[in-house]
């Protein structure tokens, strides 16, 4: 369950693997290659700490760049809306306080070159 991708999965084998909950829970993904022989300098805590910090930084950069934009999709700008048409009811001054909004009815529209009002 924690291996299900939460970002889009690329078909390109050279791309990074998709983010999963395991990346967040374990601060690492599945190993890309099997572990090789260990060297003495790999056993030092300082080096390991730097590696963990590097992996965590990579995760958060990808989280911000790939996952958060999916959660904050702006439907207002992506989906076309209906144009105003004669007979529609509108607010004349939207900066006025509530309960004192002046209402008006559209009598005529003047569309631009693309047909938008």
N, C-alpha and C. Protein backbone atom coordinates (compact mmCIF):
# COMPACT_ATOMS: atom_id res chain seq x y z
N UNK A 1 0.82 -1.19 0.00
CA UNK A 1 0.00 0.00 0.00
C UNK A 1 0.87 1.26 0.00
N UNK A 2 1.97 1.24 0.71
CA UNK A 2 2.83 2.41 0.77
C UNK A 2 3.72 2.55 -0.45
N UNK A 3 3.62 1.60 -1.39
CA UNK A 3 4.40 1.70 -2.62
C UNK A 3 3.59 2.27 -3.78
N UNK A 4 2.33 2.63 -3.54
CA UNK A 4 1.53 3.22 -4.61
C UNK A 4 2.05 4.62 -4.90
N UNK A 5 2.23 4.97 -6.16
CA UNK A 5 2.75 6.31 -6.48
C UNK A 5 1.72 7.39 -6.18
N UNK A 6 2.22 8.54 -5.67
CA UNK A 6 1.35 9.68 -5.42
C UNK A 6 1.65 10.80 -6.41
N UNK A 7 2.61 10.61 -7.28
CA UNK A 7 2.87 11.54 -8.38
C UNK A 7 2.76 10.76 -9.68
N UNK A 8 2.81 11.48 -10.78
CA UNK A 8 2.66 10.80 -12.06
C UNK A 8 3.84 9.88 -12.34
N UNK A 9 3.55 8.75 -12.97
CA UNK A 9 4.56 7.75 -13.29
C UNK A 9 5.00 7.97 -14.73
N UNK A 10 6.29 8.13 -14.93
CA UNK A 10 6.83 8.36 -16.26
C UNK A 10 7.13 7.04 -16.95
N UNK A 11 6.96 7.02 -18.26
CA UNK A 11 7.30 5.81 -19.02
C UNK A 11 8.77 5.82 -19.44
N UNK A 12 9.47 6.93 -19.20
CA UNK A 12 10.89 7.03 -19.55
C UNK A 12 11.72 6.32 -18.47
N UNK A 13 12.52 5.32 -18.84
CA UNK A 13 13.31 4.60 -17.83
C UNK A 13 14.40 5.46 -17.19
N UNK A 14 14.76 6.58 -17.80
CA UNK A 14 15.80 7.44 -17.24
C UNK A 14 15.26 8.42 -16.19
N UNK A 15 13.93 8.56 -16.09
CA UNK A 15 13.34 9.46 -15.10
C UNK A 15 13.45 8.85 -13.70
N UNK A 16 13.31 9.71 -12.70
CA UNK A 16 13.28 9.23 -11.32
C UNK A 16 12.00 8.45 -11.08
N UNK A 17 12.02 7.54 -10.11
CA UNK A 17 10.80 6.79 -9.81
C UNK A 17 9.79 7.73 -9.16
N UNK A 18 8.51 7.40 -9.29
CA UNK A 18 7.44 8.23 -8.75
C UNK A 18 7.50 8.23 -7.22
N UNK A 19 7.12 9.36 -6.61
CA UNK A 19 7.11 9.45 -5.15
C UNK A 19 6.02 8.55 -4.58
N UNK A 20 6.34 7.88 -3.48
CA UNK A 20 5.40 7.00 -2.79
C UNK A 20 5.40 7.36 -1.30
N UNK A 21 4.40 6.91 -0.53
CA UNK A 21 4.44 7.15 0.91
C UNK A 21 5.68 6.56 1.59
N UNK A 22 6.25 5.49 1.01
CA UNK A 22 7.47 4.91 1.58
C UNK A 22 8.63 5.89 1.57
N UNK A 23 8.68 6.75 0.54
CA UNK A 23 9.74 7.75 0.52
C UNK A 23 9.67 8.64 1.75
N UNK A 24 8.46 8.98 2.16
CA UNK A 24 8.28 9.83 3.33
C UNK A 24 8.50 9.06 4.63
N UNK A 25 7.97 7.85 4.70
CA UNK A 25 8.06 7.07 5.93
C UNK A 25 9.48 6.60 6.23
N UNK A 26 10.20 6.18 5.21
CA UNK A 26 11.53 5.61 5.42
C UNK A 26 12.66 6.55 5.01
N UNK A 27 12.32 7.71 4.49
CA UNK A 27 13.29 8.68 3.97
C UNK A 27 14.16 8.04 2.90
N UNK A 28 13.63 7.08 2.21
CA UNK A 28 14.34 6.47 1.09
C UNK A 28 13.33 5.69 0.25
N UNK A 29 13.71 5.37 -0.95
CA UNK A 29 12.86 4.57 -1.81
C UNK A 29 13.38 3.15 -1.87
N UNK A 30 12.88 2.40 -2.83
CA UNK A 30 13.41 1.05 -3.03
C UNK A 30 14.84 1.18 -3.55
N UNK A 31 15.73 0.32 -3.17
CA UNK A 31 17.09 0.43 -3.68
C UNK A 31 17.11 0.22 -5.19
N UNK A 32 17.80 1.09 -5.88
CA UNK A 32 17.89 1.00 -7.33
C UNK A 32 18.80 -0.15 -7.74
N UNK A 33 19.85 -0.35 -6.98
CA UNK A 33 20.77 -1.45 -7.27
C UNK A 33 21.12 -2.15 -5.95
N UNK A 34 21.50 -3.40 -5.99
CA UNK A 34 21.84 -4.09 -4.75
C UNK A 34 23.05 -3.46 -4.09
N UNK A 35 23.11 -3.52 -2.74
CA UNK A 35 24.25 -2.92 -2.07
C UNK A 35 25.54 -3.65 -2.42
N UNK A 36 26.58 -2.87 -2.60
CA UNK A 36 27.88 -3.45 -2.96
C UNK A 36 28.72 -3.67 -1.72
N UNK A 37 29.99 -3.93 -1.91
CA UNK A 37 30.88 -4.12 -0.76
C UNK A 37 31.05 -2.81 0.01
N UNK A 38 31.10 -2.91 1.33
CA UNK A 38 31.24 -1.73 2.16
C UNK A 38 32.72 -1.41 2.36
N UNK A 39 33.01 -0.13 2.33
CA UNK A 39 34.36 0.33 2.62
C UNK A 39 34.40 0.88 4.04
N UNK A 40 35.58 0.96 4.59
CA UNK A 40 35.71 1.42 5.97
C UNK A 40 35.21 2.86 6.13
N UNK A 41 35.48 3.72 5.14
CA UNK A 41 35.05 5.12 5.27
C UNK A 41 33.53 5.28 5.17
N UNK A 42 32.81 4.26 4.65
CA UNK A 42 31.35 4.32 4.59
C UNK A 42 30.71 4.09 5.96
N UNK A 43 31.45 3.58 6.89
CA UNK A 43 30.88 3.23 8.18
C UNK A 43 30.84 4.40 9.15
N UNK A 44 31.45 5.50 8.80
CA UNK A 44 31.48 6.64 9.72
C UNK A 44 30.13 7.33 9.76
N UNK A 45 29.75 7.74 10.95
CA UNK A 45 28.42 8.35 11.17
C UNK A 45 28.26 9.67 10.42
N UNK A 46 29.32 10.45 10.35
CA UNK A 46 29.22 11.75 9.70
C UNK A 46 28.85 11.59 8.23
N UNK A 47 29.46 10.65 7.57
CA UNK A 47 29.17 10.41 6.15
C UNK A 47 27.73 9.92 5.99
N UNK A 48 27.31 9.02 6.85
CA UNK A 48 25.94 8.50 6.80
C UNK A 48 24.94 9.63 7.03
N UNK A 49 25.23 10.49 8.00
CA UNK A 49 24.35 11.62 8.29
C UNK A 49 24.21 12.52 7.07
N UNK A 50 25.32 12.78 6.38
CA UNK A 50 25.26 13.61 5.18
C UNK A 50 24.43 12.94 4.09
N UNK A 51 24.56 11.63 3.96
CA UNK A 51 23.78 10.91 2.96
C UNK A 51 22.28 10.99 3.27
N UNK A 52 21.93 10.80 4.53
CA UNK A 52 20.52 10.87 4.92
C UNK A 52 19.97 12.27 4.68
N UNK A 53 20.75 13.29 5.02
CA UNK A 53 20.30 14.67 4.79
C UNK A 53 20.14 14.95 3.30
N UNK A 54 21.03 14.43 2.49
CA UNK A 54 20.95 14.62 1.05
C UNK A 54 19.68 13.96 0.49
N UNK A 55 19.40 12.74 0.93
CA UNK A 55 18.20 12.03 0.47
C UNK A 55 16.94 12.76 0.93
N UNK A 56 16.94 13.25 2.16
CA UNK A 56 15.78 14.00 2.67
C UNK A 56 15.57 15.28 1.87
N UNK A 57 16.66 15.98 1.55
CA UNK A 57 16.55 17.20 0.74
C UNK A 57 15.99 16.89 -0.64
N UNK A 58 16.47 15.80 -1.25
CA UNK A 58 15.95 15.41 -2.56
C UNK A 58 14.45 15.11 -2.49
N UNK A 59 14.05 14.40 -1.44
CA UNK A 59 12.63 14.07 -1.29
C UNK A 59 11.80 15.34 -1.20
N UNK A 60 12.18 16.29 -0.33
CA UNK A 60 11.36 17.48 -0.14
C UNK A 60 11.35 18.36 -1.37
N UNK A 61 12.46 18.41 -2.11
CA UNK A 61 12.45 19.18 -3.36
C UNK A 61 11.47 18.57 -4.35
N UNK A 62 11.50 17.25 -4.47
CA UNK A 62 10.56 16.59 -5.38
C UNK A 62 9.13 16.73 -4.88
N UNK A 63 8.91 16.65 -3.57
CA UNK A 63 7.58 16.80 -2.99
C UNK A 63 6.99 18.17 -3.37
N UNK A 64 7.80 19.20 -3.20
CA UNK A 64 7.33 20.55 -3.51
C UNK A 64 7.12 20.73 -5.00
N UNK A 65 8.02 20.20 -5.81
CA UNK A 65 7.96 20.41 -7.25
C UNK A 65 6.92 19.52 -7.93
N UNK A 66 6.70 18.28 -7.47
CA UNK A 66 5.84 17.34 -8.18
C UNK A 66 4.49 17.10 -7.52
N UNK A 67 4.45 16.96 -6.19
CA UNK A 67 3.21 16.55 -5.54
C UNK A 67 2.31 17.73 -5.18
N UNK A 68 2.86 18.76 -4.58
CA UNK A 68 2.03 19.88 -4.15
C UNK A 68 1.28 20.55 -5.30
N UNK A 69 1.89 20.73 -6.47
CA UNK A 69 1.09 21.32 -7.56
C UNK A 69 -0.12 20.48 -7.94
N UNK A 70 -0.06 19.17 -7.75
CA UNK A 70 -1.23 18.33 -8.03
C UNK A 70 -2.35 18.61 -7.05
N UNK A 71 -2.00 18.94 -5.81
CA UNK A 71 -3.01 19.20 -4.79
C UNK A 71 -3.61 20.60 -4.91
N UNK A 72 -2.91 21.50 -5.59
CA UNK A 72 -3.35 22.89 -5.68
C UNK A 72 -3.73 23.27 -7.10
N UNK A 73 -4.32 22.35 -7.82
CA UNK A 73 -4.69 22.64 -9.20
C UNK A 73 -5.73 23.75 -9.22
N UNK A 74 -5.52 24.72 -10.08
CA UNK A 74 -6.40 25.87 -10.17
C UNK A 74 -7.45 25.65 -11.26
N UNK A 75 -8.61 25.13 -10.86
CA UNK A 75 -9.67 24.87 -11.82
C UNK A 75 -10.21 26.14 -12.44
N UNK A 76 -10.11 27.24 -11.71
CA UNK A 76 -10.61 28.52 -12.20
C UNK A 76 -9.93 28.89 -13.52
N UNK A 77 -8.65 28.59 -13.66
CA UNK A 77 -7.91 28.98 -14.85
C UNK A 77 -7.83 27.87 -15.89
N UNK A 78 -8.13 26.66 -15.52
CA UNK A 78 -7.98 25.54 -16.44
C UNK A 78 -9.28 25.15 -17.14
N UNK A 79 -10.41 25.44 -16.53
CA UNK A 79 -11.69 25.06 -17.12
C UNK A 79 -12.39 26.28 -17.69
N UNK A 80 -12.85 26.21 -18.93
CA UNK A 80 -13.54 27.38 -19.51
C UNK A 80 -14.86 27.63 -18.79
N UNK A 81 -15.20 28.89 -18.64
CA UNK A 81 -16.44 29.31 -17.98
C UNK A 81 -17.38 29.92 -19.02
N UNK A 82 -18.65 29.93 -18.68
CA UNK A 82 -19.66 30.52 -19.55
C UNK A 82 -19.50 32.03 -19.57
N UNK A 83 -19.64 32.64 -20.76
CA UNK A 83 -19.58 34.09 -20.89
C UNK A 83 -20.83 34.72 -20.29
N UNK A 84 -20.70 35.99 -19.92
CA UNK A 84 -21.89 36.74 -19.50
C UNK A 84 -22.80 36.89 -20.71
N UNK A 85 -24.08 36.90 -20.44
CA UNK A 85 -25.05 37.10 -21.53
C UNK A 85 -26.14 38.04 -21.04
N UNK A 86 -26.84 38.70 -21.96
CA UNK A 86 -27.92 39.61 -21.55
C UNK A 86 -28.93 38.88 -20.66
N UNK A 87 -29.30 39.56 -19.58
CA UNK A 87 -30.24 38.98 -18.62
C UNK A 87 -29.58 38.43 -17.37
N UNK A 88 -28.25 38.27 -17.38
CA UNK A 88 -27.54 37.76 -16.20
C UNK A 88 -27.54 38.80 -15.08
N UNK A 89 -27.64 38.33 -13.85
CA UNK A 89 -27.61 39.19 -12.67
C UNK A 89 -26.17 39.27 -12.17
N UNK A 90 -25.68 40.50 -11.90
CA UNK A 90 -24.29 40.70 -11.48
C UNK A 90 -24.22 41.64 -10.29
N UNK A 91 -23.09 41.61 -9.58
CA UNK A 91 -22.82 42.56 -8.50
C UNK A 91 -22.09 43.74 -9.12
N UNK A 92 -22.58 44.96 -8.88
CA UNK A 92 -21.99 46.15 -9.49
C UNK A 92 -20.68 46.51 -8.82
N UNK A 93 -20.62 46.51 -7.49
CA UNK A 93 -19.41 46.88 -6.75
C UNK A 93 -19.08 45.76 -5.78
N UNK A 94 -18.11 44.91 -6.14
CA UNK A 94 -17.80 43.76 -5.28
C UNK A 94 -16.93 44.13 -4.08
N UNK A 95 -16.53 45.41 -3.96
CA UNK A 95 -15.75 45.83 -2.80
C UNK A 95 -16.64 46.36 -1.68
N UNK A 96 -17.93 46.50 -1.93
CA UNK A 96 -18.87 47.00 -0.92
C UNK A 96 -19.05 45.95 0.17
N UNK A 97 -19.40 46.39 1.40
CA UNK A 97 -19.62 45.41 2.47
C UNK A 97 -20.82 44.52 2.17
N UNK A 98 -20.82 43.35 2.79
CA UNK A 98 -21.93 42.42 2.60
C UNK A 98 -23.26 43.06 2.97
N UNK A 99 -24.31 42.59 2.34
CA UNK A 99 -25.68 43.08 2.54
C UNK A 99 -25.90 44.49 2.01
N UNK A 100 -24.89 45.09 1.40
CA UNK A 100 -25.10 46.39 0.76
C UNK A 100 -24.59 46.36 -0.68
N UNK A 101 -24.56 45.17 -1.27
CA UNK A 101 -24.13 45.03 -2.65
C UNK A 101 -25.20 45.56 -3.59
N UNK A 102 -24.77 46.36 -4.54
CA UNK A 102 -25.68 46.83 -5.58
C UNK A 102 -25.73 45.76 -6.67
N UNK A 103 -26.93 45.38 -7.05
CA UNK A 103 -27.11 44.35 -8.07
C UNK A 103 -27.51 45.02 -9.38
N UNK A 104 -27.14 44.40 -10.48
CA UNK A 104 -27.51 44.90 -11.80
C UNK A 104 -27.80 43.75 -12.74
N UNK A 105 -28.46 44.06 -13.83
CA UNK A 105 -28.77 43.06 -14.85
C UNK A 105 -28.09 43.48 -16.15
N UNK A 106 -27.43 42.54 -16.81
CA UNK A 106 -26.73 42.83 -18.07
C UNK A 106 -27.76 43.02 -19.17
N UNK A 107 -27.63 44.17 -19.88
CA UNK A 107 -28.53 44.46 -20.99
C UNK A 107 -27.90 44.10 -22.33
N UNK A 108 -26.58 44.36 -22.46
CA UNK A 108 -25.90 44.14 -23.73
C UNK A 108 -24.45 43.74 -23.45
N UNK A 109 -23.89 42.85 -24.25
CA UNK A 109 -22.49 42.45 -24.09
C UNK A 109 -21.70 42.85 -25.32
N UNK A 110 -20.41 43.12 -25.11
CA UNK A 110 -19.50 43.47 -26.20
C UNK A 110 -18.33 42.49 -26.17
N UNK A 111 -18.40 41.38 -26.91
CA UNK A 111 -17.31 40.41 -26.88
C UNK A 111 -16.07 40.93 -27.60
N UNK A 112 -14.89 40.41 -27.18
CA UNK A 112 -13.64 40.79 -27.84
C UNK A 112 -13.43 39.94 -29.09
N UNK A 113 -12.23 40.00 -29.67
CA UNK A 113 -11.94 39.28 -30.92
C UNK A 113 -12.05 37.76 -30.74
N UNK A 114 -11.77 37.25 -29.53
CA UNK A 114 -11.86 35.81 -29.28
C UNK A 114 -13.27 35.38 -28.88
N UNK A 115 -14.17 36.33 -28.71
CA UNK A 115 -15.54 36.00 -28.34
C UNK A 115 -15.79 36.02 -26.85
N UNK A 116 -14.79 36.45 -26.06
CA UNK A 116 -14.96 36.52 -24.61
C UNK A 116 -15.52 37.88 -24.21
N UNK A 117 -16.35 37.88 -23.17
CA UNK A 117 -16.92 39.14 -22.67
C UNK A 117 -16.03 39.67 -21.57
